[in-house]
Amino acid sequence: MEHPVSIRQAFWSPYRRIARLIGEQLRKIAASRDKAVEDGTTAGITEATARAEAPKSMPAPFDIAKFAGIFAAIGLALGALGTAMAALISGLISLPPWKIPVVIAGVILLISGPSMILAWLKLRQRNLGPLLDANGWAVNTRAKINLPFGASLTGVAALPKGAHRSLDDPYAEKKLPWKTLLLLLVLVVTTVFLWREGLIRQGVDRLLKPGVQSEQSDEAAGAALESPEPPTTAPE
């Protein structure tokens, strides 16, 4: 049996019970749906076999009234739920702004208040006497547990100083590096597109042209130095 060991746990215990109840109801609904599907499949196979054995027999008529009643019930339930939610929201909106937190706090206290009161009473009445008697200690009296001692018995373990919690699972399944693959695919597609448009060739030519021009200018300067200068004639 689960019992709250503090007022804080007692505050959250009703919500945990509600969540557990919702989960159980969902599991029951899923199990009933699964059973209905299985029964429908079995009935369909049986009916198909019967039709194959007796092809002249007339099929069962479609009961439209039954399905209409089911859809009407579902519509009524959804309508009632929507009406209740609309009334709740409209009631909250109609209140002054300072009353909305008060109403929310009142609803929370209405849900968690009884559980907190019961937990407070139980924590004040904790007794080790029956447990010690059952183990042969022969106490036969009340051995009440005060709040500090009870907190030390029911405290949650904490990490020691200097320690850290690692969230990496060494046994986790390796995931596909889809981010890296996507980046490589984008790079390949971009490179192919630039190559087809001729932009890569133009960039390479622009990078190589300054070097070619400098080499040509150096060769021209060397040829000019080696060639003899033409004779100059002074004017008479």
C-alpha atoms as a PDB file:
ATOM      1  CA  MET A   1       0.000   0.000   0.000  1.00  0.00           C
ATOM      2  CA  GLU A   2       1.210   3.467  -0.866  1.00  0.00           C
ATOM      3  CA  HIS A   3       1.083   6.101   1.845  1.00  0.00           C
ATOM      4  CA  PRO A   4       2.439   9.657   1.653  1.00  0.00           C
ATOM      5  CA  VAL A   5       5.495  10.243   3.832  1.00  0.00           C
ATOM      6  CA  SER A   6       5.148  14.036   3.818  1.00  0.00           C
ATOM      7  CA  ILE A   7       2.586  16.772   3.300  1.00  0.00           C
ATOM      8  CA  ARG A   8       4.089  17.498  -0.108  1.00  0.00           C
ATOM      9  CA  GLN A   9       3.484  13.935  -1.288  1.00  0.00           C
ATOM     10  CA  ALA A  10      -0.021  14.086   0.151  1.00  0.00           C
ATOM     11  CA  PHE A  11      -0.680  17.217  -1.918  1.00  0.00           C
ATOM     12  CA  TRP A  12       0.132  15.382  -5.159  1.00  0.00           C
ATOM     13  CA  SER A  13      -1.408  12.012  -4.238  1.00  0.00           C
ATOM     14  CA  PRO A  14      -4.975  12.825  -5.481  1.00  0.00           C
ATOM     15  CA  TYR A  15      -3.651  13.828  -8.882  1.00  0.00           C
ATOM     16  CA  ARG A  16      -1.594  10.650  -9.055  1.00  0.00           C
ATOM     17  CA  ARG A  17      -4.673   8.596  -8.212  1.00  0.00           C
ATOM     18  CA  ILE A  18      -6.655  10.429 -10.884  1.00  0.00           C
ATOM     19  CA  ALA A  19      -3.898   9.818 -13.447  1.00  0.00           C
ATOM     20  CA  ARG A  20      -3.760   6.149 -12.438  1.00  0.00           C
ATOM     21  CA  LEU A  21      -7.544   5.885 -12.740  1.00  0.00           C
ATOM     22  CA  ILE A  22      -7.482   7.486 -16.187  1.00  0.00           C
ATOM     23  CA  GLY A  23      -4.735   5.098 -17.273  1.00  0.00           C
ATOM     24  CA  GLU A  24      -6.702   2.095 -16.020  1.00  0.00           C
ATOM     25  CA  GLN A  25      -9.828   3.277 -17.816  1.00  0.00           C
ATOM     26  CA  LEU A  26      -7.870   3.775 -21.037  1.00  0.00           C
ATOM     27  CA  ARG A  27      -6.432   0.276 -20.720  1.00  0.00           C
ATOM     28  CA  LYS A  28      -9.926  -1.131 -20.149  1.00  0.00           C
ATOM     29  CA  ILE A  29     -11.261   0.729 -23.195  1.00  0.00           C
ATOM     30  CA  ALA A  30      -8.351  -0.498 -25.324  1.00  0.00           C
ATOM     31  CA  ALA A  31      -8.874  -4.071 -24.093  1.00  0.00           C
ATOM     32  CA  SER A  32     -12.611  -3.883 -24.828  1.00  0.00           C
ATOM     33  CA  ARG A  33     -11.926  -2.497 -28.312  1.00  0.00           C
ATOM     34  CA  ASP A  34      -9.427  -5.261 -28.945  1.00  0.00           C
ATOM     35  CA  LYS A  35     -11.943  -7.842 -27.767  1.00  0.00           C
ATOM     36  CA  ALA A  36     -14.638  -6.287 -29.960  1.00  0.00           C
ATOM     37  CA  VAL A  37     -12.351  -6.376 -33.000  1.00  0.00           C
ATOM     38  CA  GLU A  38     -11.477 -10.001 -32.294  1.00  0.00           C
ATOM     39  CA  ASP A  39     -15.136 -10.947 -31.849  1.00  0.00           C
ATOM     40  CA  GLY A  40     -16.091  -9.047 -35.009  1.00  0.00           C
ATOM     41  CA  THR A  41     -13.360 -10.793 -36.990  1.00  0.00           C
ATOM     42  CA  THR A  42     -14.472 -14.185 -35.705  1.00  0.00           C
ATOM     43  CA  ALA A  43     -18.099 -13.401 -36.497  1.00  0.00           C
ATOM     44  CA  GLY A  44     -17.150 -12.169 -39.968  1.00  0.00           C
ATOM     45  CA  ILE A  45     -15.190 -15.329 -40.720  1.00  0.00           C
ATOM     46  CA  THR A  46     -18.064 -17.476 -39.440  1.00  0.00           C
ATOM     47  CA  GLU A  47     -20.581 -15.538 -41.517  1.00  0.00           C
ATOM     48  CA  ALA A  48     -18.390 -15.746 -44.634  1.00  0.00           C
ATOM     49  CA  THR A  49     -18.046 -19.491 -44.149  1.00  0.00           C
ATOM     50  CA  ALA A  50     -21.804 -19.844 -43.725  1.00  0.00           C
ATOM     51  CA  ARG A  51     -22.450 -17.810 -46.880  1.00  0.00           C
ATOM     52  CA  ALA A  52     -19.980 -19.917 -48.827  1.00  0.00           C
ATOM     53  CA  GLU A  53     -21.740 -23.060 -47.677  1.00  0.00           C
ATOM     54  CA  ALA A  54     -25.221 -21.647 -48.376  1.00  0.00           C
ATOM     55  CA  PRO A  55     -24.935 -19.005 -51.136  1.00  0.00           C
ATOM     56  CA  LYS A  56     -28.697 -18.727 -51.583  1.00  0.00           C
ATOM     57  CA  SER A  57     -29.359 -17.571 -48.029  1.00  0.00           C
ATOM     58  CA  MET A  58     -30.298 -13.917 -47.613  1.00  0.00           C
ATOM     59  CA  PRO A  59     -27.834 -11.627 -45.732  1.00  0.00           C
ATOM     60  CA  ALA A  60     -28.825 -10.131 -42.416  1.00  0.00           C
ATOM     61  CA  PRO A  61     -30.452  -6.688 -42.754  1.00  0.00           C
ATOM     62  CA  PHE A  62     -28.439  -3.631 -41.710  1.00  0.00           C
ATOM     63  CA  ASP A  63     -29.765  -2.266 -38.400  1.00  0.00           C
ATOM     64  CA  ILE A  64     -29.502   1.468 -39.000  1.00  0.00           C
ATOM     65  CA  ALA A  65     -31.450   2.354 -35.860  1.00  0.00           C
ATOM     66  CA  LYS A  66     -28.809   0.754 -33.657  1.00  0.00           C
ATOM     67  CA  PHE A  67     -25.977   2.724 -35.238  1.00  0.00           C
ATOM     68  CA  ALA A  68     -28.038   5.926 -35.127  1.00  0.00           C
ATOM     69  CA  GLY A  69     -28.614   5.424 -31.401  1.00  0.00           C
ATOM     70  CA  ILE A  70     -24.880   4.878 -30.795  1.00  0.00           C
ATOM     71  CA  PHE A  71     -23.914   8.033 -32.680  1.00  0.00           C
ATOM     72  CA  ALA A  72     -26.641   9.987 -30.892  1.00  0.00           C
ATOM     73  CA  ALA A  73     -25.339   8.866 -27.484  1.00  0.00           C
ATOM     74  CA  ILE A  74     -21.792   9.829 -28.425  1.00  0.00           C
ATOM     75  CA  GLY A  75     -22.987  13.216 -29.658  1.00  0.00           C
ATOM     76  CA  LEU A  76     -24.904  13.824 -26.435  1.00  0.00           C
ATOM     77  CA  ALA A  77     -21.867  12.959 -24.314  1.00  0.00           C
ATOM     78  CA  LEU A  78     -19.595  15.258 -26.322  1.00  0.00           C
ATOM     79  CA  GLY A  79     -22.186  18.024 -26.207  1.00  0.00           C
ATOM     80  CA  ALA A  80     -22.552  17.732 -22.423  1.00  0.00           C
ATOM     81  CA  LEU A  81     -18.775  17.813 -21.979  1.00  0.00           C
ATOM     82  CA  GLY A  82     -18.437  20.840 -24.256  1.00  0.00           C
ATOM     83  CA  THR A  83     -21.271  22.629 -22.451  1.00  0.00           C
ATOM     84  CA  ALA A  84     -19.642  22.029 -19.084  1.00  0.00           C
ATOM     85  CA  MET A  85     -16.262  23.290 -20.315  1.00  0.00           C
ATOM     86  CA  ALA A  86     -17.860  26.347 -21.920  1.00  0.00           C
ATOM     87  CA  ALA A  87     -19.768  27.142 -18.715  1.00  0.00           C
ATOM     88  CA  LEU A  88     -16.590  26.782 -16.657  1.00  0.00           C
ATOM     89  CA  ILE A  89     -14.532  28.999 -18.965  1.00  0.00           C
ATOM     90  CA  SER A  90     -17.274  31.608 -19.261  1.00  0.00           C
ATOM     91  CA  GLY A  91     -17.663  31.655 -15.477  1.00  0.00           C
ATOM     92  CA  LEU A  92     -13.935  32.227 -15.008  1.00  0.00           C
ATOM     93  CA  ILE A  93     -13.872  34.968 -17.630  1.00  0.00           C
ATOM     94  CA  SER A  94     -16.824  36.755 -16.053  1.00  0.00           C
ATOM     95  CA  LEU A  95     -15.021  36.992 -12.704  1.00  0.00           C
ATOM     96  CA  PRO A  96     -12.768  39.940 -11.837  1.00  0.00           C
ATOM     97  CA  PRO A  97      -9.066  39.282 -12.503  1.00  0.00           C
ATOM     98  CA  TRP A  98      -8.149  39.113  -8.814  1.00  0.00           C
ATOM     99  CA  LYS A  99     -10.752  36.398  -8.138  1.00  0.00           C
ATOM    100  CA  ILE A 100      -9.502  33.947 -10.773  1.00  0.00           C
ATOM    101  CA  PRO A 101      -6.381  32.890  -8.779  1.00  0.00           C
ATOM    102  CA  VAL A 102      -8.539  32.595  -5.660  1.00  0.00           C
ATOM    103  CA  VAL A 103     -10.965  30.267  -7.461  1.00  0.00           C
ATOM    104  CA  ILE A 104      -8.114  28.140  -8.841  1.00  0.00           C
ATOM    105  CA  ALA A 105      -6.499  27.937  -5.395  1.00  0.00           C
ATOM    106  CA  GLY A 106      -9.855  26.968  -3.891  1.00  0.00           C
ATOM    107  CA  VAL A 107     -10.314  24.148  -6.409  1.00  0.00           C
ATOM    108  CA  ILE A 108      -6.781  22.881  -5.718  1.00  0.00           C
ATOM    109  CA  LEU A 109      -7.373  22.962  -1.956  1.00  0.00           C
ATOM    110  CA  LEU A 110     -10.714  21.208  -2.449  1.00  0.00           C
ATOM    111  CA  ILE A 111      -8.943  18.381  -4.248  1.00  0.00           C
ATOM    112  CA  SER A 112      -5.735  18.142  -2.192  1.00  0.00           C
ATOM    113  CA  GLY A 113      -6.977  19.412   1.173  1.00  0.00           C
ATOM    114  CA  PRO A 114      -8.551  16.170   2.513  1.00  0.00           C
ATOM    115  CA  SER A 115      -5.532  14.129   1.498  1.00  0.00           C
ATOM    116  CA  MET A 116      -3.170  16.593   3.191  1.00  0.00           C
ATOM    117  CA  ILE A 117      -5.231  16.564   6.412  1.00  0.00           C
ATOM    118  CA  LEU A 118      -5.301  12.754   6.514  1.00  0.00           C
ATOM    119  CA  ALA A 119      -1.565  12.592   5.864  1.00  0.00           C
ATOM    120  CA  TRP A 120      -0.891  15.111   8.644  1.00  0.00           C
ATOM    121  CA  LEU A 121      -2.941  13.041  11.097  1.00  0.00           C
ATOM    122  CA  LYS A 122      -1.283   9.772  10.094  1.00  0.00           C
ATOM    123  CA  LEU A 123       2.206  11.235  10.269  1.00  0.00           C
ATOM    124  CA  ARG A 124       1.472  12.469  13.796  1.00  0.00           C
ATOM    125  CA  GLN A 125       0.342   8.975  14.857  1.00  0.00           C
ATOM    126  CA  ARG A 126       3.209   6.884  13.535  1.00  0.00           C
ATOM    127  CA  ASN A 127       4.202   4.187  16.017  1.00  0.00           C
ATOM    128  CA  LEU A 128       7.027   1.648  15.965  1.00  0.00           C
ATOM    129  CA  GLY A 129       5.603  -0.403  18.858  1.00  0.00           C
ATOM    130  CA  PRO A 130       3.669  -3.009  16.812  1.00  0.00           C
ATOM    131  CA  LEU A 131       6.599  -3.447  14.433  1.00  0.00           C
ATOM    132  CA  LEU A 132       9.038  -3.990  17.303  1.00  0.00           C
ATOM    133  CA  ASP A 133       6.618  -6.362  19.043  1.00  0.00           C
ATOM    134  CA  ALA A 134       6.304  -8.389  15.857  1.00  0.00           C
ATOM    135  CA  ASN A 135      10.109  -8.741  15.766  1.00  0.00           C
ATOM    136  CA  GLY A 136      10.306 -10.052  19.345  1.00  0.00           C
ATOM    137  CA  TRP A 137      11.338  -6.869  21.110  1.00  0.00           C
ATOM    138  CA  ALA A 138       8.420  -7.047  23.599  1.00  0.00           C
ATOM    139  CA  VAL A 139       7.997  -3.282  23.778  1.00  0.00           C
ATOM    140  CA  ASN A 140       4.221  -3.389  24.355  1.00  0.00           C
ATOM    141  CA  THR A 141       3.965   0.371  24.371  1.00  0.00           C
ATOM    142  CA  ARG A 142       3.782   3.295  22.031  1.00  0.00           C
ATOM    143  CA  ALA A 143       7.041   4.188  20.298  1.00  0.00           C
ATOM    144  CA  LYS A 144       5.955   7.286  18.467  1.00  0.00           C
ATOM    145  CA  ILE A 145       8.056   8.680  15.652  1.00  0.00           C
ATOM    146  CA  ASN A 146       8.469  12.432  15.707  1.00  0.00           C
ATOM    147  CA  LEU A 147       8.725  14.461  12.527  1.00  0.00           C
ATOM    148  CA  PRO A 148      12.561  14.828  12.395  1.00  0.00           C
ATOM    149  CA  PHE A 149      13.125  11.108  13.006  1.00  0.00           C
ATOM    150  CA  GLY A 150      10.399  10.196  10.523  1.00  0.00           C
ATOM    151  CA  ALA A 151      11.911  12.510   7.939  1.00  0.00           C
ATOM    152  CA  SER A 152      15.281  10.805   8.382  1.00  0.00           C
ATOM    153  CA  LEU A 153      13.652   7.379   7.885  1.00  0.00           C
ATOM    154  CA  THR A 154      11.613   8.362   4.847  1.00  0.00           C
ATOM    155  CA  GLY A 155      13.955  10.900   3.264  1.00  0.00           C
ATOM    156  CA  VAL A 156      14.906  10.682  -0.379  1.00  0.00           C
ATOM    157  CA  ALA A 157      18.556   9.879  -0.986  1.00  0.00           C
ATOM    158  CA  ALA A 158      20.653  12.712  -2.387  1.00  0.00           C
ATOM    159  CA  LEU A 159      23.863  12.678  -4.349  1.00  0.00           C
ATOM    160  CA  PRO A 160      27.021  13.242  -2.288  1.00  0.00           C
ATOM    161  CA  LYS A 161      29.088  16.350  -2.764  1.00  0.00           C
ATOM    162  CA  GLY A 162      31.204  16.355  -5.895  1.00  0.00           C
ATOM    163  CA  ALA A 163      29.102  13.660  -7.590  1.00  0.00           C
ATOM    164  CA  HIS A 164      27.059  14.193 -10.714  1.00  0.00           C
ATOM    165  CA  ARG A 165      24.277  12.240 -12.354  1.00  0.00           C
ATOM    166  CA  SER A 166      24.936  10.923 -15.844  1.00  0.00           C
ATOM    167  CA  LEU A 167      21.884  10.695 -18.105  1.00  0.00           C
ATOM    168  CA  ASP A 168      23.728   8.784 -20.848  1.00  0.00           C
ATOM    169  CA  ASP A 169      22.485   5.237 -21.242  1.00  0.00           C
ATOM    170  CA  PRO A 170      25.407   2.931 -22.120  1.00  0.00           C
ATOM    171  CA  TYR A 171      22.947   0.282 -23.343  1.00  0.00           C
ATOM    172  CA  ALA A 172      20.831   2.589 -25.486  1.00  0.00           C
ATOM    173  CA  GLU A 173      20.337   1.691 -29.110  1.00  0.00           C
ATOM    174  CA  LYS A 174      22.487   3.619 -31.533  1.00  0.00           C
ATOM    175  CA  LYS A 175      20.518   6.195 -33.445  1.00  0.00           C
ATOM    176  CA  LEU A 176      20.995   6.961 -37.110  1.00  0.00           C
ATOM    177  CA  PRO A 177      23.004  10.203 -37.547  1.00  0.00           C
ATOM    178  CA  TRP A 178      20.311  11.749 -39.743  1.00  0.00           C
ATOM    179  CA  LYS A 179      21.569  15.294 -39.132  1.00  0.00           C
ATOM    180  CA  THR A 180      25.000  14.462 -40.546  1.00  0.00           C
ATOM    181  CA  LEU A 181      23.476  12.596 -43.474  1.00  0.00           C
ATOM    182  CA  LEU A 182      21.142  15.507 -44.212  1.00  0.00           C
ATOM    183  CA  LEU A 183      24.060  17.953 -44.146  1.00  0.00           C
ATOM    184  CA  LEU A 184      26.084  15.769 -46.513  1.00  0.00           C
ATOM    185  CA  LEU A 185      23.112  15.469 -48.868  1.00  0.00           C
ATOM    186  CA  VAL A 186      22.677  19.257 -48.931  1.00  0.00           C
ATOM    187  CA  LEU A 187      26.392  19.719 -49.646  1.00  0.00           C
ATOM    188  CA  VAL A 188      26.330  17.178 -52.493  1.00  0.00           C
ATOM    189  CA  VAL A 189      23.221  18.707 -54.082  1.00  0.00           C
ATOM    190  CA  THR A 190      24.703  22.214 -53.811  1.00  0.00           C
ATOM    191  CA  THR A 191      28.003  21.111 -55.348  1.00  0.00           C
ATOM    192  CA  VAL A 192      26.258  19.376 -58.273  1.00  0.00           C
ATOM    193  CA  PHE A 193      24.082  22.434 -58.880  1.00  0.00           C
ATOM    194  CA  LEU A 194      27.061  24.822 -58.867  1.00  0.00           C
ATOM    195  CA  TRP A 195      29.014  22.514 -61.189  1.00  0.00           C
ATOM    196  CA  ARG A 196      26.162  22.287 -63.681  1.00  0.00           C
ATOM    197  CA  GLU A 197      25.745  26.064 -63.680  1.00  0.00           C
ATOM    198  CA  GLY A 198      29.467  26.549 -64.273  1.00  0.00           C
ATOM    199  CA  LEU A 199      29.976  28.633 -61.162  1.00  0.00           C
ATOM    200  CA  ILE A 200      32.727  26.392 -59.827  1.00  0.00           C
ATOM    201  CA  ARG A 201      34.709  26.695 -63.082  1.00  0.00           C
ATOM    202  CA  GLN A 202      34.322  30.463 -63.079  1.00  0.00           C
ATOM    203  CA  GLY A 203      35.585  30.643 -59.514  1.00  0.00           C
ATOM    204  CA  VAL A 204      38.580  28.450 -60.305  1.00  0.00           C
ATOM    205  CA  ASP A 205      39.403  30.555 -63.371  1.00  0.00           C
ATOM    206  CA  ARG A 206      39.202  33.736 -61.345  1.00  0.00           C
ATOM    207  CA  LEU A 207      41.549  32.291 -58.779  1.00  0.00           C
ATOM    208  CA  LEU A 208      44.066  31.160 -61.426  1.00  0.00           C
ATOM    209  CA  LYS A 209      43.987  34.260 -63.718  1.00  0.00           C
ATOM    210  CA  PRO A 210      45.992  36.589 -61.412  1.00  0.00           C
ATOM    211  CA  GLY A 211      48.816  34.047 -61.264  1.00  0.00           C
ATOM    212  CA  VAL A 212      48.862  33.603 -65.055  1.00  0.00           C
ATOM    213  CA  GLN A 213      48.887  37.357 -65.639  1.00  0.00           C
ATOM    214  CA  SER A 214      51.761  37.838 -63.203  1.00  0.00           C
ATOM    215  CA  GLU A 215      53.768  35.109 -64.920  1.00  0.00           C
ATOM    216  CA  GLN A 216      53.106  36.668 -68.349  1.00  0.00           C
ATOM    217  CA  SER A 217      54.166  40.098 -67.092  1.00  0.00           C
ATOM    218  CA  ASP A 218      57.392  38.652 -65.643  1.00  0.00           C
ATOM    219  CA  GLU A 219      58.191  36.940 -68.958  1.00  0.00           C
ATOM    220  CA  ALA A 220      57.540  40.173 -70.891  1.00  0.00           C
ATOM    221  CA  ALA A 221      59.796  42.142 -68.565  1.00  0.00           C
ATOM    222  CA  GLY A 222      62.601  39.609 -68.952  1.00  0.00           C
ATOM    223  CA  ALA A 223      62.295  39.675 -72.738  1.00  0.00           C
ATOM    224  CA  ALA A 224      62.449  43.490 -72.759  1.00  0.00           C
ATOM    225  CA  LEU A 225      65.642  43.467 -70.725  1.00  0.00           C
ATOM    226  CA  GLU A 226      67.355  40.927 -72.958  1.00  0.00           C
ATOM    227  CA  SER A 227      66.461  42.641 -76.289  1.00  0.00           C
ATOM    228  CA  PRO A 228      68.995  45.401 -77.398  1.00  0.00           C
ATOM    229  CA  GLU A 229      67.726  48.929 -77.422  1.00  0.00           C
ATOM    230  CA  PRO A 230      67.366  50.557 -80.883  1.00  0.00           C
ATOM    231  CA  PRO A 231      70.036  53.258 -81.725  1.00  0.00           C
ATOM    232  CA  THR A 232      68.964  56.767 -81.191  1.00  0.00           C
ATOM    233  CA  THR A 233      69.986  59.520 -83.677  1.00  0.00           C
ATOM    234  CA  ALA A 234      70.458  63.046 -82.573  1.00  0.00           C
ATOM    235  CA  PRO A 235      68.782  65.725 -84.659  1.00  0.00           C
ATOM    236  CA  GLU A 236      71.085  67.737 -86.885  1.00  0.00           C
END
